[in-house]
Amino acid sequence: DLAQTCEKRIEELGKNGVVIPLGTFTGIPLF
């Protein structure tokens, strides 16, 4: 039950994607 619930929650939370600040896409450490 615990394994199934964890897998389902990881999938549900991951559907929203990840929010990354635009400056991270530049690859420049300052941004």
PDB file of all heavy atoms in Angstrom:
ATOM      1  N   ASP A   1       0.829  -1.213   0.000  1.00  0.00           N
ATOM      2  CA  ASP A   1       0.000   0.000   0.000  1.00  0.00           C
ATOM      3  C   ASP A   1       0.859   1.257   0.000  1.00  0.00           C
ATOM      4  O   ASP A   1       0.558   2.224  -0.710  1.00  0.00           O
ATOM      5  CB  ASP A   1      -0.933   0.016   1.212  1.00  0.00           C
ATOM      6  CG  ASP A   1      -2.000  -1.065   1.154  1.00  0.00           C
ATOM      7  OD1 ASP A   1      -2.198  -1.653   0.062  1.00  0.00           O
ATOM      8  OD2 ASP A   1      -2.624  -1.331   2.203  1.00  0.00           O
ATOM      9  N   LEU A   2       1.923   1.227   0.788  1.00  0.00           N
ATOM     10  CA  LEU A   2       2.801   2.395   0.883  1.00  0.00           C
ATOM     11  C   LEU A   2       3.528   2.639  -0.435  1.00  0.00           C
ATOM     12  O   LEU A   2       3.602   3.777  -0.912  1.00  0.00           O
ATOM     13  CB  LEU A   2       3.796   2.199   2.028  1.00  0.00           C
ATOM     14  CG  LEU A   2       4.721   3.358   2.340  1.00  0.00           C
ATOM     15  CD1 LEU A   2       3.931   4.634   2.613  1.00  0.00           C
ATOM     16  CD2 LEU A   2       5.589   3.019   3.546  1.00  0.00           C
ATOM     17  N   ALA A   3       4.042   1.592  -1.061  1.00  0.00           N
ATOM     18  CA  ALA A   3       4.745   1.741  -2.340  1.00  0.00           C
ATOM     19  C   ALA A   3       3.802   2.264  -3.422  1.00  0.00           C
ATOM     20  O   ALA A   3       4.156   3.178  -4.177  1.00  0.00           O
ATOM     21  CB  ALA A   3       5.363   0.411  -2.757  1.00  0.00           C
ATOM     22  N   GLN A   4       2.595   1.716  -3.498  1.00  0.00           N
ATOM     23  CA  GLN A   4       1.636   2.160  -4.509  1.00  0.00           C
ATOM     24  C   GLN A   4       1.220   3.613  -4.299  1.00  0.00           C
ATOM     25  O   GLN A   4       1.111   4.390  -5.248  1.00  0.00           O
ATOM     26  CB  GLN A   4       0.398   1.260  -4.504  1.00  0.00           C
ATOM     27  CG  GLN A   4       0.645  -0.112  -5.069  1.00  0.00           C
ATOM     28  CD  GLN A   4      -0.566  -1.031  -4.933  1.00  0.00           C
ATOM     29  OE1 GLN A   4      -1.519  -0.733  -4.215  1.00  0.00           O
ATOM     30  NE2 GLN A   4      -0.514  -2.171  -5.605  1.00  0.00           N
ATOM     31  N   THR A   5       0.995   3.978  -3.044  1.00  0.00           N
ATOM     32  CA  THR A   5       0.605   5.357  -2.741  1.00  0.00           C
ATOM     33  C   THR A   5       1.736   6.324  -3.091  1.00  0.00           C
ATOM     34  O   THR A   5       1.492   7.392  -3.662  1.00  0.00           O
ATOM     35  CB  THR A   5       0.212   5.498  -1.255  1.00  0.00           C
ATOM     36  OG1 THR A   5      -0.826   4.564  -0.961  1.00  0.00           O
ATOM     37  CG2 THR A   5      -0.267   6.896  -0.930  1.00  0.00           C
ATOM     38  N   CYS A   6       2.976   5.954  -2.766  1.00  0.00           N
ATOM     39  CA  CYS A   6       4.126   6.816  -3.085  1.00  0.00           C
ATOM     40  C   CYS A   6       4.269   7.000  -4.588  1.00  0.00           C
ATOM     41  O   CYS A   6       4.472   8.124  -5.060  1.00  0.00           O
ATOM     42  CB  CYS A   6       5.413   6.216  -2.528  1.00  0.00           C
ATOM     43  SG  CYS A   6       5.643   6.431  -0.771  1.00  0.00           S
ATOM     44  N   GLU A   7       4.180   5.908  -5.337  1.00  0.00           N
ATOM     45  CA  GLU A   7       4.319   6.008  -6.794  1.00  0.00           C
ATOM     46  C   GLU A   7       3.245   6.903  -7.393  1.00  0.00           C
ATOM     47  O   GLU A   7       3.518   7.739  -8.262  1.00  0.00           O
ATOM     48  CB  GLU A   7       4.261   4.613  -7.421  1.00  0.00           C
ATOM     49  CG  GLU A   7       5.506   3.799  -7.180  1.00  0.00           C
ATOM     50  CD  GLU A   7       5.400   2.368  -7.660  1.00  0.00           C
ATOM     51  OE1 GLU A   7       4.327   1.974  -8.185  1.00  0.00           O
ATOM     52  OE2 GLU A   7       6.390   1.620  -7.500  1.00  0.00           O
ATOM     53  N   LYS A   8       2.006   6.754  -6.905  1.00  0.00           N
ATOM     54  CA  LYS A   8       0.899   7.563  -7.413  1.00  0.00           C
ATOM     55  C   LYS A   8       1.115   9.044  -7.080  1.00  0.00           C
ATOM     56  O   LYS A   8       0.901   9.918  -7.922  1.00  0.00           O
ATOM     57  CB  LYS A   8      -0.416   7.077  -6.794  1.00  0.00           C
ATOM     58  CG  LYS A   8      -1.647   7.681  -7.436  1.00  0.00           C
ATOM     59  CD  LYS A   8      -2.930   7.254  -6.741  1.00  0.00           C
ATOM     60  CE  LYS A   8      -3.074   5.735  -6.763  1.00  0.00           C
ATOM     61  NZ  LYS A   8      -4.313   5.294  -6.077  1.00  0.00           N
ATOM     62  N   ARG A   9       1.569   9.332  -5.865  1.00  0.00           N
ATOM     63  CA  ARG A   9       1.765  10.737  -5.467  1.00  0.00           C
ATOM     64  C   ARG A   9       2.927  11.376  -6.212  1.00  0.00           C
ATOM     65  O   ARG A   9       2.867  12.562  -6.559  1.00  0.00           O
ATOM     66  CB  ARG A   9       2.010  10.819  -3.957  1.00  0.00           C
ATOM     67  CG  ARG A   9       0.800  10.421  -3.162  1.00  0.00           C
ATOM     68  CD  ARG A   9       0.367  11.510  -2.198  1.00  0.00           C
ATOM     69  NE  ARG A   9      -0.924  11.162  -1.645  1.00  0.00           N
ATOM     70  CZ  ARG A   9      -1.121  10.771  -0.404  1.00  0.00           C
ATOM     71  NH1 ARG A   9      -0.111  10.684   0.443  1.00  0.00           N
ATOM     72  NH2 ARG A   9      -2.328  10.479   0.025  1.00  0.00           N
ATOM     73  N   ILE A  10       3.984  10.609  -6.448  1.00  0.00           N
ATOM     74  CA  ILE A  10       5.120  11.159  -7.213  1.00  0.00           C
ATOM     75  C   ILE A  10       4.645  11.529  -8.617  1.00  0.00           C
ATOM     76  O   ILE A  10       4.976  12.594  -9.146  1.00  0.00           O
ATOM     77  CB  ILE A  10       6.283  10.148  -7.262  1.00  0.00           C
ATOM     78  CG1 ILE A  10       6.950  10.045  -5.887  1.00  0.00           C
ATOM     79  CG2 ILE A  10       7.312  10.550  -8.322  1.00  0.00           C
ATOM     80  CD1 ILE A  10       7.949   8.914  -5.756  1.00  0.00           C
ATOM     81  N   GLU A  11       3.848  10.674  -9.220  1.00  0.00           N
ATOM     82  CA  GLU A  11       3.320  10.932 -10.559  1.00  0.00           C
ATOM     83  C   GLU A  11       2.409  12.158 -10.554  1.00  0.00           C
ATOM     84  O   GLU A  11       2.515  13.028 -11.422  1.00  0.00           O
ATOM     85  CB  GLU A  11       2.554   9.712 -11.049  1.00  0.00           C
ATOM     86  CG  GLU A  11       2.085   9.820 -12.483  1.00  0.00           C
ATOM     87  CD  GLU A  11       1.349   8.568 -12.940  1.00  0.00           C
ATOM     88  OE1 GLU A  11       1.647   7.469 -12.427  1.00  0.00           O
ATOM     89  OE2 GLU A  11       0.463   8.718 -13.798  1.00  0.00           O
ATOM     90  N   GLU A  12       1.522  12.248  -9.545  1.00  0.00           N
ATOM     91  CA  GLU A  12       0.593  13.384  -9.472  1.00  0.00           C
ATOM     92  C   GLU A  12       1.333  14.705  -9.269  1.00  0.00           C
ATOM     93  O   GLU A  12       1.036  15.701  -9.942  1.00  0.00           O
ATOM     94  CB  GLU A  12      -0.389  13.183  -8.318  1.00  0.00           C
ATOM     95  CG  GLU A  12      -1.441  12.132  -8.568  1.00  0.00           C
ATOM     96  CD  GLU A  12      -2.236  11.789  -7.311  1.00  0.00           C
ATOM     97  OE1 GLU A  12      -1.993  12.403  -6.246  1.00  0.00           O
ATOM     98  OE2 GLU A  12      -3.089  10.886  -7.384  1.00  0.00           O
ATOM     99  N   LEU A  13       2.284  14.716  -8.332  1.00  0.00           N
ATOM    100  CA  LEU A  13       3.014  15.954  -8.068  1.00  0.00           C
ATOM    101  C   LEU A  13       3.907  16.342  -9.239  1.00  0.00           C
ATOM    102  O   LEU A  13       4.142  17.515  -9.496  1.00  0.00           O
ATOM    103  CB  LEU A  13       3.845  15.810  -6.788  1.00  0.00           C
ATOM    104  CG  LEU A  13       3.061  15.761  -5.480  1.00  0.00           C
ATOM    105  CD1 LEU A  13       3.977  15.422  -4.309  1.00  0.00           C
ATOM    106  CD2 LEU A  13       2.355  17.083  -5.221  1.00  0.00           C
ATOM    107  N   GLY A  14       4.415  15.351  -9.959  1.00  0.00           N
ATOM    108  CA  GLY A  14       5.293  15.624 -11.091  1.00  0.00           C
ATOM    109  C   GLY A  14       4.575  16.137 -12.321  1.00  0.00           C
ATOM    110  O   GLY A  14       5.190  16.748 -13.192  1.00  0.00           O
ATOM    111  N   LYS A  15       3.267  15.907 -12.422  1.00  0.00           N
ATOM    112  CA  LYS A  15       2.499  16.350 -13.592  1.00  0.00           C
ATOM    113  C   LYS A  15       2.537  17.868 -13.757  1.00  0.00           C
ATOM    114  O   LYS A  15       2.433  18.382 -14.863  1.00  0.00           O
ATOM    115  CB  LYS A  15       1.048  15.891 -13.485  1.00  0.00           C
ATOM    116  CG  LYS A  15       0.846  14.457 -13.842  1.00  0.00           C
ATOM    117  CD  LYS A  15      -0.624  14.091 -13.741  1.00  0.00           C
ATOM    118  CE  LYS A  15      -0.833  12.619 -14.029  1.00  0.00           C
ATOM    119  NZ  LYS A  15      -2.239  12.225 -13.854  1.00  0.00           N
ATOM    120  N   ASN A  16       2.661  18.572 -12.650  1.00  0.00           N
ATOM    121  CA  ASN A  16       2.684  20.035 -12.716  1.00  0.00           C
ATOM    122  C   ASN A  16       3.983  20.569 -13.297  1.00  0.00           C
ATOM    123  O   ASN A  16       4.078  21.753 -13.614  1.00  0.00           O
ATOM    124  CB  ASN A  16       2.473  20.629 -11.324  1.00  0.00           C
ATOM    125  CG  ASN A  16       1.136  20.233 -10.746  1.00  0.00           C
ATOM    126  OD1 ASN A  16       0.179  20.004 -11.472  1.00  0.00           O
ATOM    127  ND2 ASN A  16       1.064  20.137  -9.436  1.00  0.00           N
ATOM    128  N   GLY A  17       4.989  19.716 -13.393  1.00  0.00           N
ATOM    129  CA  GLY A  17       6.287  20.152 -13.892  1.00  0.00           C
ATOM    130  C   GLY A  17       7.076  20.851 -12.804  1.00  0.00           C
ATOM    131  O   GLY A  17       6.716  20.833 -11.629  1.00  0.00           O
ATOM    132  N   VAL A  18       8.154  21.458 -13.231  1.00  0.00           N
ATOM    133  CA  VAL A  18       9.048  22.151 -12.306  1.00  0.00           C
ATOM    134  C   VAL A  18       9.182  23.587 -12.783  1.00  0.00           C
ATOM    135  O   VAL A  18       9.321  23.847 -13.974  1.00  0.00           O
ATOM    136  CB  VAL A  18      10.440  21.472 -12.282  1.00  0.00           C
ATOM    137  CG1 VAL A  18      11.368  22.188 -11.339  1.00  0.00           C
ATOM    138  CG2 VAL A  18      10.317  20.021 -11.888  1.00  0.00           C
ATOM    139  N   VAL A  19       9.141  24.517 -11.845  1.00  0.00           N
ATOM    140  CA  VAL A  19       9.275  25.929 -12.181  1.00  0.00           C
ATOM    141  C   VAL A  19      10.737  26.333 -12.013  1.00  0.00           C
ATOM    142  O   VAL A  19      11.338  26.138 -10.958  1.00  0.00           O
ATOM    143  CB  VAL A  19       8.364  26.790 -11.271  1.00  0.00           C
ATOM    144  CG1 VAL A  19       8.549  28.256 -11.570  1.00  0.00           C
ATOM    145  CG2 VAL A  19       6.919  26.381 -11.444  1.00  0.00           C
ATOM    146  N   ILE A  20      11.310  26.865 -13.101  1.00  0.00           N
ATOM    147  CA  ILE A  20      12.724  27.255 -13.100  1.00  0.00           C
ATOM    148  C   ILE A  20      12.809  28.726 -13.492  1.00  0.00           C
ATOM    149  O   ILE A  20      12.190  29.153 -14.478  1.00  0.00           O
ATOM    150  CB  ILE A  20      13.524  26.404 -14.102  1.00  0.00           C
ATOM    151  CG1 ILE A  20      13.455  24.924 -13.711  1.00  0.00           C
ATOM    152  CG2 ILE A  20      14.975  26.854 -14.176  1.00  0.00           C
ATOM    153  CD1 ILE A  20      14.120  23.987 -14.685  1.00  0.00           C
ATOM    154  N   PRO A  21      13.576  29.516 -12.737  1.00  0.00           N
ATOM    155  CA  PRO A  21      13.758  30.918 -13.110  1.00  0.00           C
ATOM    156  C   PRO A  21      14.432  31.042 -14.486  1.00  0.00           C
ATOM    157  O   PRO A  21      15.315  30.247 -14.829  1.00  0.00           O
ATOM    158  CB  PRO A  21      14.654  31.477 -12.008  1.00  0.00           C
ATOM    159  CG  PRO A  21      14.436  30.556 -10.853  1.00  0.00           C
ATOM    160  CD  PRO A  21      14.202  29.204 -11.460  1.00  0.00           C
ATOM    161  N   LEU A  22      14.023  32.014 -15.268  1.00  0.00           N
ATOM    162  CA  LEU A  22      14.503  32.197 -16.638  1.00  0.00           C
ATOM    163  C   LEU A  22      16.020  32.372 -16.701  1.00  0.00           C
ATOM    164  O   LEU A  22      16.664  31.898 -17.641  1.00  0.00           O
ATOM    165  CB  LEU A  22      13.788  33.396 -17.267  1.00  0.00           C
ATOM    166  CG  LEU A  22      13.997  33.616 -18.756  1.00  0.00           C
ATOM    167  CD1 LEU A  22      13.499  32.400 -19.533  1.00  0.00           C
ATOM    168  CD2 LEU A  22      13.269  34.859 -19.222  1.00  0.00           C
ATOM    169  N   GLY A  23      16.597  33.023 -15.710  1.00  0.00           N
ATOM    170  CA  GLY A  23      18.049  33.235 -15.696  1.00  0.00           C
ATOM    171  C   GLY A  23      18.844  31.941 -15.663  1.00  0.00           C
ATOM    172  O   GLY A  23      19.996  31.888 -16.118  1.00  0.00           O
ATOM    173  N   THR A  24      18.262  30.881 -15.161  1.00  0.00           N
ATOM    174  CA  THR A  24      18.939  29.588 -15.104  1.00  0.00           C
ATOM    175  C   THR A  24      19.216  29.061 -16.503  1.00  0.00           C
ATOM    176  O   THR A  24      20.216  28.389 -16.741  1.00  0.00           O
ATOM    177  CB  THR A  24      18.079  28.573 -14.314  1.00  0.00           C
ATOM    178  OG1 THR A  24      17.809  29.119 -13.026  1.00  0.00           O
ATOM    179  CG2 THR A  24      18.781  27.247 -14.151  1.00  0.00           C
ATOM    180  N   PHE A  25      18.347  29.394 -17.480  1.00  0.00           N
ATOM    181  CA  PHE A  25      18.516  28.920 -18.854  1.00  0.00           C
ATOM    182  C   PHE A  25      19.740  29.526 -19.531  1.00  0.00           C
ATOM    183  O   PHE A  25      20.216  28.994 -20.527  1.00  0.00           O
ATOM    184  CB  PHE A  25      17.271  29.228 -19.687  1.00  0.00           C
ATOM    185  CG  PHE A  25      16.094  28.371 -19.334  1.00  0.00           C
ATOM    186  CD1 PHE A  25      15.147  28.803 -18.423  1.00  0.00           C
ATOM    187  CD2 PHE A  25      15.939  27.118 -19.907  1.00  0.00           C
ATOM    188  CE1 PHE A  25      14.062  28.016 -18.096  1.00  0.00           C
ATOM    189  CE2 PHE A  25      14.855  26.319 -19.588  1.00  0.00           C
ATOM    190  CZ  PHE A  25      13.917  26.766 -18.671  1.00  0.00           C
ATOM    191  N   THR A  26      20.255  30.632 -19.031  1.00  0.00           N
ATOM    192  CA  THR A  26      21.426  31.249 -19.662  1.00  0.00           C
ATOM    193  C   THR A  26      22.695  30.462 -19.392  1.00  0.00           C
ATOM    194  O   THR A  26      23.637  30.528 -20.168  1.00  0.00           O
ATOM    195  CB  THR A  26      21.623  32.692 -19.149  1.00  0.00           C
ATOM    196  OG1 THR A  26      21.952  32.648 -17.755  1.00  0.00           O
ATOM    197  CG2 THR A  26      20.390  33.546 -19.378  1.00  0.00           C
ATOM    198  N   GLY A  27      22.739  29.733 -18.298  1.00  0.00           N
ATOM    199  CA  GLY A  27      23.954  28.998 -17.953  1.00  0.00           C
ATOM    200  C   GLY A  27      24.991  29.875 -17.275  1.00  0.00           C
ATOM    201  O   GLY A  27      26.055  29.399 -16.888  1.00  0.00           O
ATOM    202  N   ILE A  28      24.699  31.153 -17.120  1.00  0.00           N
ATOM    203  CA  ILE A  28      25.632  32.083 -16.472  1.00  0.00           C
ATOM    204  C   ILE A  28      25.344  32.046 -14.974  1.00  0.00           C
ATOM    205  O   ILE A  28      24.225  32.316 -14.549  1.00  0.00           O
ATOM    206  CB  ILE A  28      25.451  33.508 -17.037  1.00  0.00           C
ATOM    207  CG1 ILE A  28      25.716  33.503 -18.544  1.00  0.00           C
ATOM    208  CG2 ILE A  28      26.368  34.486 -16.318  1.00  0.00           C
ATOM    209  CD1 ILE A  28      25.339  34.797 -19.238  1.00  0.00           C
ATOM    210  N   PRO A  29      26.371  31.711 -14.156  1.00  0.00           N
ATOM    211  CA  PRO A  29      26.139  31.567 -12.714  1.00  0.00           C
ATOM    212  C   PRO A  29      25.499  32.782 -12.053  1.00  0.00           C
ATOM    213  O   PRO A  29      24.711  32.639 -11.134  1.00  0.00           O
ATOM    214  CB  PRO A  29      27.544  31.313 -12.153  1.00  0.00           C
ATOM    215  CG  PRO A  29      28.306  30.714 -13.289  1.00  0.00           C
ATOM    216  CD  PRO A  29      27.743  31.368 -14.525  1.00  0.00           C
ATOM    217  N   LEU A  30      25.801  33.974 -12.530  1.00  0.00           N
ATOM    218  CA  LEU A  30      25.251  35.200 -11.949  1.00  0.00           C
ATOM    219  C   LEU A  30      23.727  35.276 -12.118  1.00  0.00           C
ATOM    220  O   LEU A  30      23.026  35.806 -11.266  1.00  0.00           O
ATOM    221  CB  LEU A  30      25.914  36.427 -12.602  1.00  0.00           C
ATOM    222  CG  LEU A  30      25.490  37.795 -12.080  1.00  0.00           C
ATOM    223  CD1 LEU A  30      25.882  37.937 -10.608  1.00  0.00           C
ATOM    224  CD2 LEU A  30      26.125  38.894 -12.898  1.00  0.00           C
ATOM    225  N   PHE A  31      23.199  34.698 -13.194  1.00  0.00           N
ATOM    226  CA  PHE A  31      21.767  34.780 -13.490  1.00  0.00           C
ATOM    227  C   PHE A  31      20.964  33.578 -13.002  1.00  0.00           C
ATOM    228  O   PHE A  31      19.736  33.584 -13.072  1.00  0.00           O
ATOM    229  CB  PHE A  31      21.542  34.951 -14.989  1.00  0.00           C
ATOM    230  CG  PHE A  31      22.099  36.230 -15.540  1.00  0.00           C
ATOM    231  CD1 PHE A  31      22.772  36.232 -16.744  1.00  0.00           C
ATOM    232  CD2 PHE A  31      21.955  37.427 -14.861  1.00  0.00           C
ATOM    233  CE1 PHE A  31      23.293  37.414 -17.256  1.00  0.00           C
ATOM    234  CE2 PHE A  31      22.466  38.599 -15.362  1.00  0.00           C
ATOM    235  CZ  PHE A  31      23.140  38.602 -16.574  1.00  0.00           C
TER     236      PHE A  31
END
